[in-house]
Each structure stands twice: as C-alpha cells, then as structure tokens.
C-alpha cells in the first residue's frame, strides 16, 4: 500500500513547515498559530504558493522574490527531516498492523514526540538552550507513557519504569551540579529525564553512552574542519541526545553495536 507512506511523508513535510514557525517564534512573543508568515527583511506577507514545503524554496532558489534576501536552509531541512522521520516511524510501527486502532494511537503519540524533539534539536543548535515551553510537554508525555504502559501491560511495573527512567538522568544532573552548569545545562537533565521514561533504564543507558560517543566524534570534526570551534567551545548537547534516542529507540542501535565482537 504505497498511498499510505506517501501520505505520511507529505504530512511530515507540512508538519515540518509548522515546526519551523514554532522554532522561529519561541520566546518572541508571537503566537505560533496566528499571524501570517513574512519575509524577515522586507516584511512582505508571503503568499500561499511561497509556503509550499521544500518546493517553494527550490522554486524561489532560496531567496525572497521581492528583496532577494536569502532564505535559511533550515526551512527545507526541517521539513525533509520531519517527513523522513515520520515515514521511518510508519515503517517501524504501522506496517502490517495499520488496521489496529491501538497501533494508530501509539503511532500518533510517536509523531508528537518526534515533533517536539525536532523543535528542541533545532532550537538548541541555534540558541544553545532547550526551551522549557517544549521540553516540559515532552516530559509530561513521557510521564504519561509510563502510566499507559502500566495500564495496557499488567506485567509492567510503573514504579520501576519511573525509577529506571529517572536514574538515567542522574549522571547529567551530577555533571550539571558539580560543574555549576559549565559542563552540562539543566535543560539536558530535563531532556534525559523524559528520554529515560520513554526508553527505560537499559535502553536509557545506551542512549547516554551513544550520545557521548556521537558528541565526541562530532566535536572532533568541528574542531578539525572549522575555525569557529576549539576544545573549550560551547556545543549544544541536546541534539546528540536526541539523535542517540532515535538510533536506540527506533532503529534498535545499542552501545554494544559499536563494540566489535572477536571470535
């Protein structure tokens, strides 16, 4: 059934376009649901055909058609990433069970979680901070997911789920506390708390380890390939946590996946 994944991909593009609006309007006092989009330079209100995800960016060659101000690559990148992530989630969660109502419920939940994490990732890269207005809803949904698993799976221990998830945030809290916020921001602690509740203790540890590996490799590349970064440069860690979460929770990667097994 090719129509369904194509539809999910298109929905992802549209949602990605909306997420761009959310990212750019957080902490600006502007509503994310009211007010037409406009050029940042000439303030001209954009027509509907200038807002078609990805297509408009390509048709306009990345520039405002009035003042020729460059349009950030963030727009098509976020739209495409959201569409790809939505499609991957569909392939992992709905293929073969699309007729099961509970599968659609969990899929919809996963799409909301993915959307929040995409906003956190891009905002953290841009501003080196994780906004409370996004991370708190993420934590709340992660909290509710533990309760939901306790309802649908009698063998699942809600207490162990809460404690196990919370334990994964402890290393980040200790780094934040003893470094007085220099080695780790408190936003990363809150983010890891939510991730831990979604993954549980075992997978949460893998997320933690894989995120540090990814962060270390990325940091070395940034130092080697750019003049902007050096050993003491501040680098947003939230995106590495979120990438690691996606690898572990969705693609089945663990910290052992990177360790060769000698026979």
Protein backbone atom coordinates (compact mmCIF):
# COMPACT_ATOMS: atom_id res chain seq x y z
CA UNK A 1 0.00 0.00 0.00
CA UNK A 2 2.13 2.85 -1.34
CA UNK A 3 -0.52 5.54 -0.80
CA UNK A 4 -0.22 5.45 3.00
CA UNK A 5 3.56 6.01 3.32
CA UNK A 6 3.42 8.74 0.65
CA UNK A 7 0.62 10.41 2.59
CA UNK A 8 2.64 10.16 5.81
CA UNK A 9 5.64 11.72 4.04
CA UNK A 10 3.53 14.64 2.76
CA UNK A 11 2.02 15.13 6.21
CA UNK A 12 5.57 15.18 7.57
CA UNK A 13 6.52 17.97 5.13
CA UNK A 14 3.51 20.03 6.24
CA UNK A 15 4.19 19.43 9.93
CA UNK A 16 7.85 20.30 9.36
CA UNK A 17 6.78 23.63 7.88
CA UNK A 18 4.75 24.31 11.01
CA UNK A 19 7.66 23.28 13.24
CA UNK A 20 9.80 25.92 11.53
CA UNK A 21 7.26 28.53 12.59
CA UNK A 22 7.33 27.21 16.16
CA UNK A 23 11.16 27.25 16.27
CA UNK A 24 11.38 30.83 15.00
CA UNK A 25 8.61 32.22 17.23
CA UNK A 26 9.57 30.68 20.59
CA UNK A 27 10.36 33.46 23.09
CA UNK A 28 9.46 36.18 20.58
CA UNK A 29 6.00 36.91 21.96
CA UNK A 30 4.42 35.94 18.64
CA UNK A 31 1.72 33.28 18.50
CA UNK A 32 2.64 30.10 16.66
CA UNK A 33 -0.91 29.72 15.31
CA UNK A 34 -1.80 33.33 14.50
CA UNK A 35 -0.11 35.79 12.18
CA UNK A 36 0.92 35.26 8.57
CA UNK A 37 4.50 34.39 7.69
CA UNK A 38 6.52 37.26 6.26
CA UNK A 39 9.99 37.97 4.91
CA UNK A 40 12.38 38.77 7.76
CA UNK A 41 13.95 41.61 5.75
CA UNK A 42 11.22 43.39 3.78
CA UNK A 43 8.30 42.24 5.98
CA UNK A 44 6.16 41.36 2.96
CA UNK A 45 3.48 38.82 3.82
CA UNK A 46 4.17 35.60 1.96
CA UNK A 47 1.62 34.20 -0.47
CA UNK A 48 0.39 30.63 -0.07
CA UNK A 49 2.44 29.42 -3.04
CA UNK A 50 5.60 30.66 -1.32
CA UNK A 51 4.90 28.41 1.65
CA UNK A 52 4.72 25.02 -0.06
CA UNK A 53 7.22 22.83 1.84
CA UNK A 54 10.56 22.34 0.01
CA UNK A 55 9.00 23.11 -3.41
CA UNK A 56 8.72 26.85 -2.75
CA UNK A 57 12.32 27.03 -1.51
CA UNK A 58 13.55 25.37 -4.70
CA UNK A 59 11.28 27.43 -6.98
CA UNK A 60 12.43 30.68 -5.36
CA UNK A 61 16.07 29.50 -5.47
CA UNK A 62 16.37 30.15 -1.75
CA UNK A 63 15.61 33.89 -1.99
CA UNK A 64 12.71 36.24 -1.28
CA UNK A 65 11.13 37.15 -4.61
CA UNK A 66 10.77 40.80 -3.51
CA UNK A 67 14.04 41.76 -1.82
CA UNK A 68 16.23 38.75 -2.73
CA UNK A 69 17.01 38.15 0.94
CA UNK A 70 18.40 34.63 1.34
CA UNK A 71 16.03 32.07 2.87
CA UNK A 72 17.60 29.91 5.55
CA UNK A 73 18.31 26.30 4.64
CA UNK A 74 16.68 25.47 7.96
CA UNK A 75 13.28 25.57 6.29
CA UNK A 76 13.69 22.74 3.75
CA UNK A 77 15.99 20.74 6.06
CA UNK A 78 13.47 20.69 8.92
CA UNK A 79 10.65 19.87 6.51
CA UNK A 80 12.55 16.98 4.92
CA UNK A 81 13.86 15.63 8.23
CA UNK A 82 10.35 15.66 9.71
CA UNK A 83 8.95 13.88 6.64
CA UNK A 84 11.71 11.25 6.72
CA UNK A 85 11.34 10.66 10.46
CA UNK A 86 7.55 10.32 10.13
CA UNK A 87 7.99 7.81 7.30
CA UNK A 88 10.54 5.77 9.25
CA UNK A 89 8.20 5.69 12.24
CA UNK A 90 5.42 4.49 9.94
CA UNK A 91 7.65 1.68 8.62
CA UNK A 92 8.53 0.62 12.17
CA UNK A 93 5.13 0.95 13.81
CA UNK A 94 2.30 0.57 11.29
CA UNK A 95 3.42 -1.76 8.50
CA UNK A 96 1.35 -4.92 8.83
CA UNK A 97 -0.77 -3.57 11.72
CA UNK A 98 -2.30 -0.43 10.19
CA UNK A 99 -5.78 -1.84 10.83
CA UNK A 100 -5.22 -1.99 14.64
CA UNK A 101 -6.60 1.11 16.45
CA UNK A 102 -4.02 0.89 19.26
CA UNK A 103 -1.21 0.92 16.68
CA UNK A 104 -2.51 4.23 15.30
CA UNK A 105 -2.73 5.63 18.82
CA UNK A 106 0.90 4.78 19.60
CA UNK A 107 1.95 6.00 16.15
CA UNK A 108 0.26 9.35 16.72
CA UNK A 109 1.96 9.59 20.10
CA UNK A 110 5.32 8.89 18.45
CA UNK A 111 4.73 11.63 15.87
CA UNK A 112 4.05 14.18 18.60
CA UNK A 113 7.18 13.10 20.49
CA UNK A 114 9.23 13.31 17.27
CA UNK A 115 7.89 16.79 16.52
CA UNK A 116 8.80 18.08 19.98
CA UNK A 117 12.29 16.61 19.71
CA UNK A 118 12.87 18.16 16.28
CA UNK A 119 11.94 21.57 17.70
CA UNK A 120 14.28 21.05 20.66
CA UNK A 121 17.12 19.94 18.37
CA UNK A 122 16.98 22.92 16.04
CA UNK A 123 16.36 25.46 18.79
CA UNK A 124 19.26 24.10 20.84
CA UNK A 125 21.57 24.29 17.82
CA UNK A 126 20.51 27.89 17.14
CA UNK A 127 20.46 29.24 20.70
CA UNK A 128 22.40 26.73 22.86
CA UNK A 129 19.39 26.33 25.15
CA UNK A 130 16.49 23.91 25.45
CA UNK A 131 13.21 25.86 25.82
CA UNK A 132 11.05 24.94 28.81
CA UNK A 133 7.92 25.55 26.73
CA UNK A 134 8.83 22.49 24.64
CA UNK A 135 10.77 20.21 26.99
CA UNK A 136 8.09 20.26 29.72
CA UNK A 137 5.34 18.96 27.39
CA UNK A 138 7.84 16.30 26.27
CA UNK A 139 8.48 15.28 29.89
CA UNK A 140 4.74 15.19 30.60
CA UNK A 141 4.07 12.92 27.61
CA UNK A 142 6.95 10.65 28.64
CA UNK A 143 5.49 10.51 32.17
CA UNK A 144 2.06 9.59 30.79
CA UNK A 145 3.62 6.91 28.57
CA UNK A 146 4.86 5.09 31.67
CA UNK A 147 1.35 5.15 33.16
CA UNK A 148 -0.12 3.98 29.84
CA UNK A 149 2.25 1.00 29.67
CA UNK A 150 1.20 0.10 33.19
CA UNK A 151 -2.44 0.02 32.08
CA UNK A 152 -2.04 -1.98 28.85
CA UNK A 153 0.67 -4.33 30.18
CA UNK A 154 -0.13 -5.72 33.64
CA UNK A 155 3.36 -7.23 33.89
CA UNK A 156 4.94 -3.78 33.50
CA UNK A 157 5.92 -2.16 36.82
CA UNK A 158 5.06 1.54 36.79
CA UNK A 159 7.26 2.19 39.84
CA UNK A 160 10.26 0.53 38.20
CA UNK A 161 9.50 2.43 34.99
CA UNK A 162 9.58 5.78 36.76
CA UNK A 163 12.64 4.97 38.86
CA UNK A 164 14.57 3.35 36.00
CA UNK A 165 13.93 6.25 33.69
CA UNK A 166 14.82 8.81 36.32
CA UNK A 167 18.13 7.07 37.04
CA UNK A 168 19.33 7.74 33.50
CA UNK A 169 19.13 11.48 34.21
CA UNK A 170 21.29 11.23 37.34
CA UNK A 171 24.69 11.39 35.52
CA UNK A 172 23.58 14.54 33.68
CA UNK A 173 22.32 16.07 36.93
CA UNK A 174 25.66 15.37 38.64
CA UNK A 175 27.57 16.90 35.70
CA UNK A 176 25.35 19.96 35.83
CA UNK A 177 25.53 20.29 39.62
CA UNK A 178 29.27 19.82 40.19
CA UNK A 179 30.29 21.87 37.13
CA UNK A 180 27.79 24.61 38.09
CA UNK A 181 26.24 24.38 34.64
CA UNK A 182 29.51 24.67 32.71
CA UNK A 183 29.81 21.05 31.55
CA UNK A 184 26.09 20.37 31.12
CA UNK A 185 22.98 22.53 31.01
CA UNK A 186 19.97 21.77 33.18
CA UNK A 187 17.88 21.56 30.02
CA UNK A 188 19.84 18.42 29.10
CA UNK A 189 18.96 16.95 32.51
CA UNK A 190 15.26 17.53 31.86
CA UNK A 191 15.55 16.16 28.34
CA UNK A 192 17.27 12.99 29.56
CA UNK A 193 14.59 12.50 32.22
CA UNK A 194 11.91 12.37 29.53
CA UNK A 195 14.02 10.14 27.31
CA UNK A 196 14.66 7.78 30.22
CA UNK A 197 10.94 7.43 30.89
CA UNK A 198 10.35 6.58 27.24
CA UNK A 199 13.17 4.03 26.96
CA UNK A 200 13.50 2.54 30.42
CA UNK A 201 16.79 2.03 32.27
CA UNK A 202 18.58 -0.44 29.96
CA UNK A 203 17.98 1.42 26.70
CA UNK A 204 18.37 4.73 28.51
CA UNK A 205 21.94 3.79 29.41
CA UNK A 206 22.58 3.01 25.74
CA UNK A 207 21.19 6.43 24.79
CA UNK A 208 23.50 8.05 27.32
CA UNK A 209 26.61 6.23 26.11
CA UNK A 210 25.85 6.57 22.39
CA UNK A 211 25.13 10.30 22.80
CA UNK A 212 28.59 10.87 24.32
CA UNK A 213 30.21 8.88 21.51
CA UNK A 214 28.35 10.86 18.85
CA UNK A 215 29.11 14.12 20.64
CA UNK A 216 32.80 13.27 20.90
CA UNK A 217 33.14 12.41 17.21
CA UNK A 218 31.13 15.46 16.14
CA UNK A 219 33.23 17.69 18.38
CA UNK A 220 36.47 16.43 16.87
CA UNK A 221 35.13 17.04 13.36
CA UNK A 222 34.04 20.58 14.26
CA UNK A 223 37.46 21.38 15.72
CA UNK A 224 39.30 19.84 12.76
CA UNK A 225 37.16 21.30 9.97
CA UNK A 226 36.21 24.74 11.26
CA UNK A 227 37.98 27.68 12.86
CA UNK A 228 34.95 28.60 14.94
CA UNK A 229 35.27 25.72 17.40
CA UNK A 230 38.06 24.73 19.78
CA UNK A 231 38.38 22.47 22.83
CA UNK A 232 36.58 24.94 25.14
CA UNK A 233 33.82 25.92 22.74
CA UNK A 234 30.21 25.55 23.87
CA UNK A 235 28.40 22.90 21.81
CA UNK A 236 24.71 22.08 22.19
CA UNK A 237 24.46 18.55 23.60
CA UNK A 238 20.70 18.13 23.27
CA UNK A 239 20.86 17.20 19.56
CA UNK A 240 23.32 14.37 20.31
CA UNK A 241 20.96 13.02 22.97
CA UNK A 242 18.04 13.15 20.57
CA UNK A 243 19.97 11.51 17.72
CA UNK A 244 21.09 8.77 20.12
CA UNK A 245 17.49 8.32 21.30
CA UNK A 246 16.30 7.89 17.70
CA UNK A 247 19.08 5.39 16.94
CA UNK A 248 18.39 3.33 20.06
CA UNK A 249 14.61 3.52 20.37
CA UNK A 250 13.62 3.47 16.69
CA UNK A 251 16.49 1.80 14.80
CA UNK A 252 17.49 -0.66 17.51
CA UNK A 253 21.08 0.54 17.93
CA UNK A 254 22.68 -0.02 21.35
CA UNK A 255 26.02 0.87 22.87
CA UNK A 256 27.15 -2.68 22.08
CA UNK A 257 26.53 -2.09 18.36
CA UNK A 258 29.79 -0.12 18.20
CA UNK A 259 31.88 -2.71 20.02
CA UNK A 260 33.39 -5.38 17.75
CA UNK A 261 32.86 -8.96 18.83
CA UNK A 262 36.02 -11.00 18.42
CA UNK A 263 35.54 -14.67 17.75
